[in-house]
Amino acid sequence: MAHKKFHSVIVTPVCMAGEVEDGEVLFNPIKIPGACARSSSSLLRSISMIDFDDKKAAVDLYFMQVSKNLGTLAAVISITDANLLLAKPLGCVIMPAVSGLGDYVLGGISTLADINLVVNSDVNDNDEGAIYVAGVATDTHTYTATGIQLTFGFEVL
């Protein structure tokens, strides 16, 4: 069987259903299955965010090898130093707000390309090459639980 060099993974995080302010946790970690081969690496090349709630706001995305909550939804990040170490952070990406291009009136799509963030799964945490992503709001808005969908594009290293 041929090895694919590029692949994408779509996830729908469970967002805070209600008001979230700048710097507050919008959603805690959700699994991105198959991001890379077990105990191997991939490049996160692109992210597309569908904003079904039409909030037109940026979202800070925190990537980690092991799922550890950033804190309570709709509250400031409160992860402990111990849990931060256990999460094995991979990096943070600011997903830009939808503006003009990609605006579908009742929603929108924001795309970020050429990210080139090296990600690798934790050999002790899973068998499927998963990583995790959590989101933090950058503005005050009211969200629905399924108001955001993320598509991650990976290149296998």
N, C-alpha and C. Protein backbone atom coordinates (compact mmCIF):
# COMPACT_ATOMS: atom_id res chain seq x y z
N MET A 1 0.84 -1.18 0.00
CA MET A 1 0.00 0.00 0.00
C MET A 1 0.89 1.24 0.00
N ALA A 2 0.55 2.21 -0.82
CA ALA A 2 1.33 3.45 -0.93
C ALA A 2 1.13 4.30 0.32
N HIS A 3 2.18 4.96 0.72
CA HIS A 3 2.15 5.85 1.89
C HIS A 3 1.77 7.25 1.43
N LYS A 4 0.70 7.82 2.02
CA LYS A 4 0.28 9.17 1.66
C LYS A 4 1.16 10.19 2.37
N LYS A 5 1.61 11.19 1.62
CA LYS A 5 2.46 12.22 2.20
C LYS A 5 1.63 13.30 2.90
N PHE A 6 0.45 13.60 2.38
CA PHE A 6 -0.41 14.63 2.96
C PHE A 6 -1.75 14.03 3.36
N HIS A 7 -2.31 14.52 4.44
CA HIS A 7 -3.66 14.10 4.83
C HIS A 7 -4.29 15.18 5.70
N SER A 8 -5.60 15.11 5.83
CA SER A 8 -6.31 16.09 6.66
C SER A 8 -7.18 15.37 7.68
N VAL A 9 -7.44 16.06 8.78
CA VAL A 9 -8.28 15.54 9.85
C VAL A 9 -9.26 16.64 10.24
N ILE A 10 -10.54 16.30 10.31
CA ILE A 10 -11.60 17.25 10.68
C ILE A 10 -12.08 16.93 12.09
N VAL A 11 -12.15 17.95 12.94
CA VAL A 11 -12.68 17.78 14.30
C VAL A 11 -13.65 18.91 14.61
N THR A 12 -14.63 18.60 15.46
CA THR A 12 -15.57 19.60 15.95
C THR A 12 -15.46 19.64 17.46
N PRO A 13 -14.78 20.63 18.00
CA PRO A 13 -14.64 20.70 19.46
C PRO A 13 -15.96 21.05 20.13
N VAL A 14 -16.10 20.65 21.39
CA VAL A 14 -17.26 21.05 22.19
C VAL A 14 -16.91 22.38 22.85
N CYS A 15 -17.48 23.43 22.29
CA CYS A 15 -17.19 24.79 22.77
C CYS A 15 -18.09 25.14 23.96
N MET A 16 -17.69 26.17 24.67
CA MET A 16 -18.53 26.74 25.72
C MET A 16 -19.81 27.25 25.07
N ALA A 17 -20.95 26.75 25.51
CA ALA A 17 -22.23 27.22 24.98
C ALA A 17 -22.67 28.40 25.84
N GLY A 18 -22.21 29.57 25.42
CA GLY A 18 -22.50 30.78 26.17
C GLY A 18 -21.42 31.80 25.92
N GLU A 19 -21.39 32.83 26.73
CA GLU A 19 -20.43 33.91 26.52
C GLU A 19 -19.03 33.53 26.99
N VAL A 20 -18.07 33.85 26.15
CA VAL A 20 -16.65 33.65 26.44
C VAL A 20 -15.94 34.97 26.16
N GLU A 21 -15.08 35.39 27.10
CA GLU A 21 -14.36 36.65 26.94
C GLU A 21 -12.92 36.41 26.49
N ASP A 22 -12.28 37.47 26.07
CA ASP A 22 -10.89 37.43 25.63
C ASP A 22 -10.02 36.76 26.69
N GLY A 23 -9.24 35.77 26.28
CA GLY A 23 -8.33 35.09 27.19
C GLY A 23 -8.95 33.95 27.98
N GLU A 24 -10.23 33.66 27.72
CA GLU A 24 -10.90 32.56 28.42
C GLU A 24 -10.94 31.30 27.55
N VAL A 25 -11.02 30.15 28.23
CA VAL A 25 -11.03 28.86 27.55
C VAL A 25 -12.34 28.71 26.77
N LEU A 26 -12.22 28.54 25.46
CA LEU A 26 -13.38 28.32 24.59
C LEU A 26 -13.70 26.83 24.50
N PHE A 27 -12.65 26.01 24.34
CA PHE A 27 -12.83 24.55 24.39
C PHE A 27 -11.56 23.91 24.91
N ASN A 28 -11.75 22.85 25.70
CA ASN A 28 -10.63 22.09 26.22
C ASN A 28 -10.18 21.06 25.18
N PRO A 29 -9.08 20.37 25.41
CA PRO A 29 -8.48 19.54 24.36
C PRO A 29 -9.44 18.55 23.72
N ILE A 30 -9.32 18.50 22.41
CA ILE A 30 -10.02 17.51 21.60
C ILE A 30 -8.95 16.75 20.83
N LYS A 31 -9.18 15.48 20.66
CA LYS A 31 -8.23 14.61 19.97
C LYS A 31 -8.21 14.88 18.48
N ILE A 32 -7.01 14.95 17.92
CA ILE A 32 -6.81 14.99 16.47
C ILE A 32 -6.21 13.63 16.11
N PRO A 33 -7.04 12.64 15.79
CA PRO A 33 -6.52 11.29 15.54
C PRO A 33 -5.71 11.23 14.25
N GLY A 34 -4.69 10.40 14.27
CA GLY A 34 -3.90 10.18 13.05
C GLY A 34 -3.10 11.38 12.58
N ALA A 35 -2.78 12.29 13.48
CA ALA A 35 -1.99 13.45 13.08
C ALA A 35 -0.62 13.02 12.55
N CYS A 36 -0.10 11.96 13.12
CA CYS A 36 1.19 11.41 12.68
C CYS A 36 1.24 9.93 13.05
N ALA A 37 2.19 9.24 12.52
CA ALA A 37 2.36 7.84 12.88
C ALA A 37 2.79 7.76 14.34
N ARG A 38 2.47 6.64 14.99
CA ARG A 38 2.81 6.49 16.41
C ARG A 38 4.30 6.74 16.63
N SER A 39 4.60 7.55 17.63
CA SER A 39 5.96 7.95 18.00
C SER A 39 6.76 8.43 16.80
N SER A 40 6.07 9.15 15.92
CA SER A 40 6.70 9.73 14.73
C SER A 40 6.27 11.20 14.65
N SER A 41 6.67 11.87 13.57
CA SER A 41 6.38 13.30 13.45
C SER A 41 5.70 13.63 12.13
N SER A 42 4.97 14.73 12.16
CA SER A 42 4.36 15.32 10.97
C SER A 42 4.52 16.83 11.06
N LEU A 43 4.32 17.49 9.94
CA LEU A 43 4.27 18.94 9.92
C LEU A 43 2.81 19.36 9.84
N LEU A 44 2.38 20.21 10.76
CA LEU A 44 1.06 20.83 10.63
C LEU A 44 1.24 21.93 9.60
N ARG A 45 0.65 21.74 8.42
CA ARG A 45 0.85 22.66 7.31
C ARG A 45 -0.23 23.74 7.23
N SER A 46 -1.49 23.36 7.55
CA SER A 46 -2.58 24.32 7.39
C SER A 46 -3.71 24.01 8.36
N ILE A 47 -4.51 25.04 8.61
CA ILE A 47 -5.73 24.89 9.42
C ILE A 47 -6.82 25.71 8.75
N SER A 48 -8.00 25.13 8.64
CA SER A 48 -9.19 25.87 8.22
C SER A 48 -10.19 25.81 9.36
N MET A 49 -10.78 26.94 9.69
CA MET A 49 -11.76 27.01 10.76
C MET A 49 -13.08 27.49 10.17
N ILE A 50 -14.11 26.65 10.29
CA ILE A 50 -15.46 27.07 9.92
C ILE A 50 -16.11 27.64 11.17
N ASP A 51 -16.58 28.86 11.07
CA ASP A 51 -17.21 29.58 12.17
C ASP A 51 -18.72 29.60 11.89
N PHE A 52 -19.42 28.56 12.35
CA PHE A 52 -20.86 28.46 12.12
C PHE A 52 -21.65 29.52 12.88
N ASP A 53 -21.06 30.05 13.95
CA ASP A 53 -21.74 31.06 14.77
C ASP A 53 -21.54 32.47 14.23
N ASP A 54 -20.73 32.63 13.19
CA ASP A 54 -20.48 33.92 12.54
C ASP A 54 -19.95 34.96 13.53
N LYS A 55 -18.96 34.57 14.32
CA LYS A 55 -18.40 35.49 15.33
C LYS A 55 -17.28 36.37 14.78
N LYS A 56 -16.64 35.93 13.71
CA LYS A 56 -15.55 36.71 13.09
C LYS A 56 -14.48 37.07 14.12
N ALA A 57 -14.08 36.08 14.93
CA ALA A 57 -13.07 36.30 15.96
C ALA A 57 -11.94 35.29 15.80
N ALA A 58 -10.74 35.75 16.11
CA ALA A 58 -9.60 34.85 16.11
C ALA A 58 -9.71 33.90 17.30
N VAL A 59 -9.04 32.75 17.19
CA VAL A 59 -8.99 31.77 18.28
C VAL A 59 -7.54 31.31 18.43
N ASP A 60 -7.05 31.32 19.66
CA ASP A 60 -5.71 30.79 19.94
C ASP A 60 -5.83 29.29 20.12
N LEU A 61 -5.04 28.54 19.35
CA LEU A 61 -5.06 27.08 19.42
C LEU A 61 -3.80 26.57 20.10
N TYR A 62 -3.98 25.78 21.13
CA TYR A 62 -2.87 25.21 21.90
C TYR A 62 -2.77 23.72 21.60
N PHE A 63 -1.63 23.30 21.07
CA PHE A 63 -1.40 21.90 20.70
C PHE A 63 -0.57 21.20 21.75
N MET A 64 -0.92 19.94 22.03
CA MET A 64 -0.21 19.16 23.04
C MET A 64 -0.23 17.67 22.69
N GLN A 65 0.70 16.94 23.27
CA GLN A 65 0.77 15.50 23.03
C GLN A 65 -0.22 14.73 23.90
N VAL A 66 -0.48 15.20 25.10
CA VAL A 66 -1.34 14.52 26.06
C VAL A 66 -2.47 15.49 26.45
N SER A 67 -3.68 14.99 26.49
CA SER A 67 -4.84 15.84 26.80
C SER A 67 -4.85 16.26 28.27
N LYS A 68 -4.69 17.56 28.49
CA LYS A 68 -4.81 18.15 29.82
C LYS A 68 -5.61 19.44 29.67
N ASN A 69 -6.70 19.56 30.42
CA ASN A 69 -7.55 20.74 30.31
C ASN A 69 -6.78 22.01 30.64
N LEU A 70 -7.08 23.06 29.88
CA LEU A 70 -6.48 24.37 30.16
C LEU A 70 -7.14 25.01 31.37
N GLY A 71 -8.33 24.57 31.70
CA GLY A 71 -9.08 25.12 32.83
C GLY A 71 -10.56 25.00 32.58
N THR A 72 -11.34 25.73 33.33
CA THR A 72 -12.79 25.73 33.21
C THR A 72 -13.20 26.54 31.99
N LEU A 73 -14.19 26.04 31.24
CA LEU A 73 -14.71 26.78 30.10
C LEU A 73 -15.22 28.14 30.56
N ALA A 74 -14.98 29.16 29.75
CA ALA A 74 -15.40 30.55 30.01
C ALA A 74 -14.70 31.14 31.23
N ALA A 75 -13.52 30.62 31.54
CA ALA A 75 -12.69 31.19 32.61
C ALA A 75 -11.26 31.29 32.06
N VAL A 76 -10.44 32.11 32.69
CA VAL A 76 -9.06 32.25 32.22
C VAL A 76 -8.31 30.94 32.38
N ILE A 77 -7.27 30.76 31.59
CA ILE A 77 -6.45 29.55 31.64
C ILE A 77 -5.93 29.37 33.06
N SER A 78 -6.10 28.15 33.58
CA SER A 78 -5.68 27.89 34.95
C SER A 78 -4.94 26.56 35.09
N ILE A 79 -4.39 26.06 34.00
CA ILE A 79 -3.66 24.79 34.05
C ILE A 79 -2.48 24.94 35.01
N THR A 80 -2.25 23.92 35.80
CA THR A 80 -1.13 23.96 36.75
C THR A 80 0.19 23.70 36.01
N ASP A 81 1.28 24.09 36.61
CA ASP A 81 2.59 23.82 36.02
C ASP A 81 2.80 22.32 35.84
N ALA A 82 2.37 21.53 36.81
CA ALA A 82 2.52 20.08 36.74
C ALA A 82 1.75 19.51 35.54
N ASN A 83 0.51 19.95 35.35
CA ASN A 83 -0.29 19.45 34.22
C ASN A 83 0.24 19.97 32.89
N LEU A 84 0.79 21.18 32.89
CA LEU A 84 1.38 21.71 31.67
C LEU A 84 2.55 20.83 31.23
N LEU A 85 3.38 20.42 32.17
CA LEU A 85 4.49 19.52 31.84
C LEU A 85 3.98 18.17 31.34
N LEU A 86 2.93 17.65 31.98
CA LEU A 86 2.36 16.37 31.57
C LEU A 86 1.72 16.45 30.18
N ALA A 87 1.20 17.63 29.81
CA ALA A 87 0.56 17.81 28.51
C ALA A 87 1.56 17.73 27.35
N LYS A 88 2.83 18.00 27.63
CA LYS A 88 3.87 18.00 26.61
C LYS A 88 3.48 18.93 25.46
N PRO A 89 3.44 20.24 25.72
CA PRO A 89 3.01 21.21 24.70
C PRO A 89 3.82 21.11 23.42
N LEU A 90 3.13 21.28 22.30
CA LEU A 90 3.77 21.25 20.98
C LEU A 90 3.88 22.64 20.37
N GLY A 91 3.01 23.56 20.77
CA GLY A 91 3.03 24.90 20.22
C GLY A 91 1.67 25.55 20.25
N CYS A 92 1.63 26.79 19.83
CA CYS A 92 0.40 27.57 19.81
C CYS A 92 0.30 28.27 18.46
N VAL A 93 -0.89 28.31 17.91
CA VAL A 93 -1.15 28.96 16.62
C VAL A 93 -2.34 29.89 16.79
N ILE A 94 -2.22 31.11 16.30
CA ILE A 94 -3.35 32.05 16.33
C ILE A 94 -4.13 31.89 15.04
N MET A 95 -5.34 31.37 15.16
CA MET A 95 -6.22 31.20 14.01
C MET A 95 -6.89 32.54 13.74
N PRO A 96 -6.65 33.17 12.57
CA PRO A 96 -7.18 34.51 12.33
C PRO A 96 -8.70 34.54 12.20
N ALA A 97 -9.25 35.70 12.45
CA ALA A 97 -10.69 35.91 12.31
C ALA A 97 -11.08 35.94 10.83
N VAL A 98 -12.30 35.56 10.56
CA VAL A 98 -12.83 35.65 9.20
C VAL A 98 -13.03 37.13 8.89
N SER A 99 -12.55 37.55 7.72
CA SER A 99 -12.76 38.95 7.32
C SER A 99 -12.86 39.00 5.80
N GLY A 100 -14.00 39.45 5.31
CA GLY A 100 -14.19 39.57 3.86
C GLY A 100 -14.20 38.23 3.18
N LEU A 101 -13.07 37.83 2.62
CA LEU A 101 -12.95 36.54 1.93
C LEU A 101 -13.27 35.43 2.90
N GLY A 102 -14.16 34.55 2.52
CA GLY A 102 -14.56 33.45 3.39
C GLY A 102 -15.80 33.74 4.22
N ASP A 103 -16.37 34.95 4.08
CA ASP A 103 -17.56 35.31 4.83
C ASP A 103 -18.79 34.77 4.09
N TYR A 104 -19.52 33.87 4.74
CA TYR A 104 -20.72 33.28 4.14
C TYR A 104 -22.00 33.85 4.74
N VAL A 105 -21.99 35.08 5.18
CA VAL A 105 -23.10 35.82 5.77
C VAL A 105 -23.51 35.24 7.13
N LEU A 106 -23.90 33.98 7.20
CA LEU A 106 -24.30 33.37 8.47
C LEU A 106 -23.17 32.57 9.11
N GLY A 107 -22.01 32.64 8.54
CA GLY A 107 -20.83 31.92 9.03
C GLY A 107 -19.65 32.29 8.17
N GLY A 108 -18.53 31.65 8.40
CA GLY A 108 -17.37 31.97 7.58
C GLY A 108 -16.27 30.95 7.74
N ILE A 109 -15.29 31.03 6.85
CA ILE A 109 -14.14 30.14 6.88
C ILE A 109 -12.87 30.98 6.94
N SER A 110 -12.03 30.65 7.89
CA SER A 110 -10.73 31.28 8.02
C SER A 110 -9.68 30.20 7.74
N THR A 111 -8.67 30.53 6.95
CA THR A 111 -7.64 29.56 6.59
C THR A 111 -6.27 30.13 6.91
N LEU A 112 -5.45 29.29 7.51
CA LEU A 112 -4.07 29.64 7.81
C LEU A 112 -3.18 28.59 7.16
N ALA A 113 -2.29 29.03 6.27
CA ALA A 113 -1.41 28.10 5.54
C ALA A 113 0.04 28.33 5.93
N ASP A 114 0.89 27.42 5.50
CA ASP A 114 2.34 27.51 5.73
C ASP A 114 2.68 27.65 7.22
N ILE A 115 2.04 26.85 8.05
CA ILE A 115 2.28 26.90 9.49
C ILE A 115 3.63 26.25 9.83
N ASN A 116 3.84 25.04 9.31
CA ASN A 116 5.10 24.30 9.48
C ASN A 116 5.46 24.04 10.94
N LEU A 117 4.48 23.67 11.75
CA LEU A 117 4.71 23.30 13.14
C LEU A 117 4.94 21.79 13.21
N VAL A 118 6.10 21.38 13.70
CA VAL A 118 6.39 19.95 13.84
C VAL A 118 5.60 19.43 15.03
N VAL A 119 4.83 18.37 14.80
CA VAL A 119 4.05 17.73 15.86
C VAL A 119 4.38 16.25 15.89
N ASN A 120 4.36 15.69 17.08
CA ASN A 120 4.57 14.26 17.22
C ASN A 120 3.70 13.74 18.35
N SER A 121 3.26 12.51 18.20
CA SER A 121 2.40 11.90 19.21
C SER A 121 3.24 11.38 20.36
N ASP A 122 2.58 11.13 21.46
CA ASP A 122 3.24 10.59 22.64
C ASP A 122 3.12 9.08 22.61
N VAL A 123 4.24 8.39 22.56
CA VAL A 123 4.24 6.93 22.46
C VAL A 123 3.54 6.26 23.64
N ASN A 124 3.54 6.89 24.80
CA ASN A 124 2.91 6.30 25.98
C ASN A 124 1.43 6.62 26.12
N ASP A 125 0.91 7.53 25.31
CA ASP A 125 -0.46 7.99 25.50
C ASP A 125 -1.47 7.35 24.56
N ASN A 126 -1.03 6.93 23.38
CA ASN A 126 -2.02 6.41 22.43
C ASN A 126 -1.36 5.52 21.38
N ASP A 127 -2.20 4.83 20.64
CA ASP A 127 -1.72 3.94 19.58
C ASP A 127 -2.04 4.46 18.19
N GLU A 128 -2.61 5.65 18.10
CA GLU A 128 -3.09 6.09 16.81
C GLU A 128 -2.43 7.36 16.29
N GLY A 129 -1.34 7.78 16.88
CA GLY A 129 -0.66 8.98 16.40
C GLY A 129 -1.45 10.24 16.63
N ALA A 130 -2.22 10.28 17.71
CA ALA A 130 -3.06 11.45 17.99
C ALA A 130 -2.28 12.53 18.71
N ILE A 131 -2.71 13.76 18.48
CA ILE A 131 -2.30 14.91 19.28
C ILE A 131 -3.60 15.57 19.71
N TYR A 132 -3.50 16.65 20.49
CA TYR A 132 -4.69 17.30 21.02
C TYR A 132 -4.60 18.81 20.81
N VAL A 133 -5.76 19.45 20.72
CA VAL A 133 -5.81 20.90 20.56
C VAL A 133 -6.90 21.47 21.46
N ALA A 134 -6.58 22.60 22.10
CA ALA A 134 -7.54 23.34 22.92
C ALA A 134 -7.62 24.76 22.36
N GLY A 135 -8.73 25.46 22.64
CA GLY A 135 -8.92 26.80 22.09
C GLY A 135 -9.21 27.84 23.14
N VAL A 136 -8.66 29.03 22.93
CA VAL A 136 -8.87 30.16 23.82
C VAL A 136 -9.41 31.33 23.00
N ALA A 137 -10.45 31.98 23.52
CA ALA A 137 -11.07 33.11 22.83
C ALA A 137 -10.15 34.32 22.82
N THR A 138 -10.32 35.15 21.80
CA THR A 138 -9.54 36.39 21.69
C THR A 138 -10.42 37.63 21.72
N ASP A 139 -11.71 37.42 21.95
CA ASP A 139 -12.67 38.51 21.98
C ASP A 139 -13.91 38.01 22.73
N THR A 140 -14.78 38.89 23.13
CA THR A 140 -15.99 38.49 23.85
C THR A 140 -17.10 38.19 22.85
N HIS A 141 -17.60 36.93 22.91
CA HIS A 141 -18.69 36.49 22.05
C HIS A 141 -19.47 35.38 22.74
N THR A 142 -20.68 35.14 22.24
CA THR A 142 -21.49 34.02 22.71
C THR A 142 -21.43 32.93 21.65
N TYR A 143 -21.01 31.75 22.05
CA TYR A 143 -20.83 30.61 21.14
C TYR A 143 -21.87 29.54 21.40
N THR A 144 -22.05 28.66 20.42
CA THR A 144 -22.83 27.45 20.61
C THR A 144 -21.84 26.30 20.79
N ALA A 145 -22.31 25.17 21.30
CA ALA A 145 -21.43 24.04 21.60
C ALA A 145 -20.72 23.51 20.36
N THR A 146 -21.36 23.58 19.20
CA THR A 146 -20.77 23.04 17.96
C THR A 146 -20.55 24.13 16.93
N GLY A 147 -20.23 25.33 17.38
CA GLY A 147 -20.10 26.48 16.49
C GLY A 147 -18.82 26.57 15.70
N ILE A 148 -17.86 25.68 15.97
CA ILE A 148 -16.57 25.73 15.27
C ILE A 148 -16.22 24.33 14.77
N GLN A 149 -15.72 24.28 13.55
CA GLN A 149 -15.17 23.04 12.99
C GLN A 149 -13.77 23.35 12.48
N LEU A 150 -12.82 22.47 12.79
CA LEU A 150 -11.43 22.68 12.40
C LEU A 150 -10.96 21.56 11.47
N THR A 151 -10.27 21.94 10.41
CA THR A 151 -9.65 20.96 9.51
C THR A 151 -8.15 21.22 9.52
N PHE A 152 -7.40 20.20 9.91
CA PHE A 152 -5.95 20.28 10.01
C PHE A 152 -5.32 19.54 8.84
N GLY A 153 -4.37 20.19 8.16
CA GLY A 153 -3.65 19.56 7.07
C GLY A 153 -2.24 19.21 7.52
N PHE A 154 -1.86 17.94 7.37
CA PHE A 154 -0.57 17.45 7.82
C PHE A 154 0.27 16.92 6.66
N GLU A 155 1.57 17.04 6.81
CA GLU A 155 2.53 16.42 5.91
C GLU A 155 3.34 15.43 6.74
N VAL A 156 3.35 14.17 6.31
CA VAL A 156 4.07 13.13 7.02
C VAL A 156 5.56 13.32 6.80
N LEU A 157 6.32 13.28 7.88
CA LEU A 157 7.78 13.41 7.78
C LEU A 157 8.44 12.04 7.72
